[in-house]
Structures are given as structure tokens and as C-alpha cells.
Amino acid sequence: MISFVVSEQAIDSFKNEWGLEEDQYVRIYAKYVGGGSDAFTIGINASATPVDPALVQSIGGFHFFVEKTDAWILEDELLQIDCNEDGIFSSKISY
């Protein structure tokens, strides 16, 4: 199962810092960052349109989606998207 939550602070950052407009799509995807046991992380792309989504979830006026090809990175995990003084970040919690 794929699931994620987006904090109010992250929604505010998407609006005010990223300049996103309501009803815009935001892609969550597997991003290659290097070798080793944890070679992939979560990427966020605000200029993508769904092609073959495994999940589309509307939160805070935006449509967050994960393509079927990227769904594996979130299987059996809850993704939390949040924001702090350094910007948007994500963390995964396994169930």
C-alpha cells in the first residue's frame, strides 16, 4: 500500500516558496542518489503531469501523485512531506 501525508507547513511552502498554483500536480518519485544499500531517495517534481499513476491524492489544493514505475519505493511505508527552515523534506516510516 502507498500512502503519504503533507503538512500544512509544506503546503504553505509549495504555495509561497515554490510558487505553485492550486490544482497543480506534484510528482513523488524514486530518485537515484548513489550506490550502497540506500541508493534511492524520494524526489519531488512540481512540473510533471501524471502518465500512469498508481496513486493521485489531493491535499491542500494540490494533486500529489506517484507513477506505477515509482510505486515500489513507497510500498508498505508512510511518506511524510514536511517543511522546516531549510525547505521541503520527506521521511518514510515503515509499517
Protein backbone atom coordinates (compact mmCIF):
# COMPACT_ATOMS: atom_id res chain seq x y z
CA MET A 1 0.00 0.00 0.00
CA ILE A 2 1.20 3.51 -0.85
CA SER A 3 0.33 6.37 1.48
CA PHE A 4 1.62 9.81 2.30
CA VAL A 5 0.78 12.92 4.29
CA VAL A 6 1.73 16.53 3.61
CA SER A 7 1.99 19.04 6.46
CA GLU A 8 0.40 22.49 6.41
CA GLN A 9 3.92 23.98 6.52
CA ALA A 10 4.84 22.05 3.35
CA ILE A 11 1.63 23.18 1.61
CA ASP A 12 2.47 26.79 2.53
CA SER A 13 5.99 26.33 1.15
CA PHE A 14 4.67 24.86 -2.11
CA LYS A 15 2.46 27.95 -2.47
CA ASN A 16 4.80 30.69 -1.22
CA GLU A 17 8.34 29.41 -1.90
CA TRP A 18 7.79 27.15 -4.92
CA GLY A 19 5.09 29.39 -6.45
CA LEU A 20 2.71 26.53 -7.16
CA GLU A 21 -0.88 27.25 -8.08
CA GLU A 22 -3.97 25.45 -6.84
CA ASP A 23 -4.83 22.22 -8.74
CA GLN A 24 -1.21 21.77 -9.83
CA TYR A 25 0.22 18.24 -9.90
CA VAL A 26 3.23 17.32 -7.76
CA ARG A 27 5.07 14.10 -8.60
CA ILE A 28 6.67 11.95 -5.90
CA TYR A 29 9.27 9.63 -7.41
CA ALA A 30 12.23 7.35 -6.75
CA LYS A 31 15.45 9.32 -7.22
CA TYR A 32 18.82 7.60 -7.66
CA VAL A 33 21.46 9.19 -5.40
CA GLY A 34 24.34 6.72 -5.46
CA GLY A 35 25.49 3.21 -4.67
CA GLY A 36 25.28 1.31 -1.44
CA SER A 37 22.39 -0.13 0.47
CA ASP A 38 20.33 3.08 0.27
CA ALA A 39 20.88 4.10 -3.35
CA PHE A 40 17.47 5.75 -3.79
CA THR A 41 15.66 8.58 -2.07
CA ILE A 42 12.38 10.44 -2.65
CA GLY A 43 12.27 13.20 -5.25
CA ILE A 44 9.57 15.84 -5.68
CA ASN A 45 8.82 17.35 -9.09
CA ALA A 46 6.28 20.17 -9.42
CA SER A 47 6.38 20.35 -13.22
CA ALA A 48 5.14 16.86 -14.10
CA THR A 49 1.83 15.50 -15.33
CA PRO A 50 0.58 12.01 -14.48
CA VAL A 51 1.05 9.41 -17.21
CA ASP A 52 0.27 6.09 -15.49
CA PRO A 53 -0.28 6.91 -11.81
CA ALA A 54 -0.50 4.29 -9.08
CA LEU A 55 -1.98 6.92 -6.77
CA VAL A 56 -3.24 10.50 -7.00
CA GLN A 57 -4.11 12.20 -3.72
CA SER A 58 -5.45 15.77 -3.39
CA ILE A 59 -4.04 17.60 -0.38
CA GLY A 60 -4.14 21.32 0.34
CA GLY A 61 -5.29 22.21 -3.18
CA PHE A 62 -2.55 20.22 -4.95
CA HIS A 63 -2.65 16.77 -6.58
CA PHE A 64 0.23 14.62 -5.37
CA PHE A 65 0.89 11.51 -7.45
CA VAL A 66 3.15 8.50 -7.74
CA GLU A 67 3.64 6.76 -11.07
CA LYS A 68 3.34 2.97 -11.16
CA THR A 69 7.03 2.73 -12.09
CA ASP A 70 7.95 4.50 -8.81
CA ALA A 71 5.41 2.86 -6.50
CA TRP A 72 7.96 0.30 -5.24
CA ILE A 73 9.83 2.93 -3.21
CA LEU A 74 6.74 3.59 -1.07
CA GLU A 75 5.38 0.05 -0.68
CA ASP A 76 4.38 -0.60 2.93
CA GLU A 77 5.65 2.80 4.05
CA LEU A 78 4.07 6.09 5.02
CA LEU A 79 5.76 9.07 3.39
CA GLN A 80 5.67 12.31 5.36
CA ILE A 81 6.34 15.53 3.44
CA ASP A 82 7.12 18.45 5.71
CA CYS A 83 8.98 21.76 5.77
CA ASN A 84 11.45 23.47 8.08
CA GLU A 85 13.79 26.47 7.79
CA ASP A 86 15.87 24.53 5.22
CA GLY A 87 12.87 23.83 2.98
CA ILE A 88 10.78 20.82 1.95
CA PHE A 89 11.91 17.40 3.15
CA SER A 90 10.46 13.91 3.30
CA SER A 91 10.78 10.92 5.57
CA LYS A 92 9.49 7.37 5.30
CA ILE A 93 8.00 5.31 8.12
CA SER A 94 7.69 1.55 7.60
CA TYR A 95 4.61 -0.25 8.87
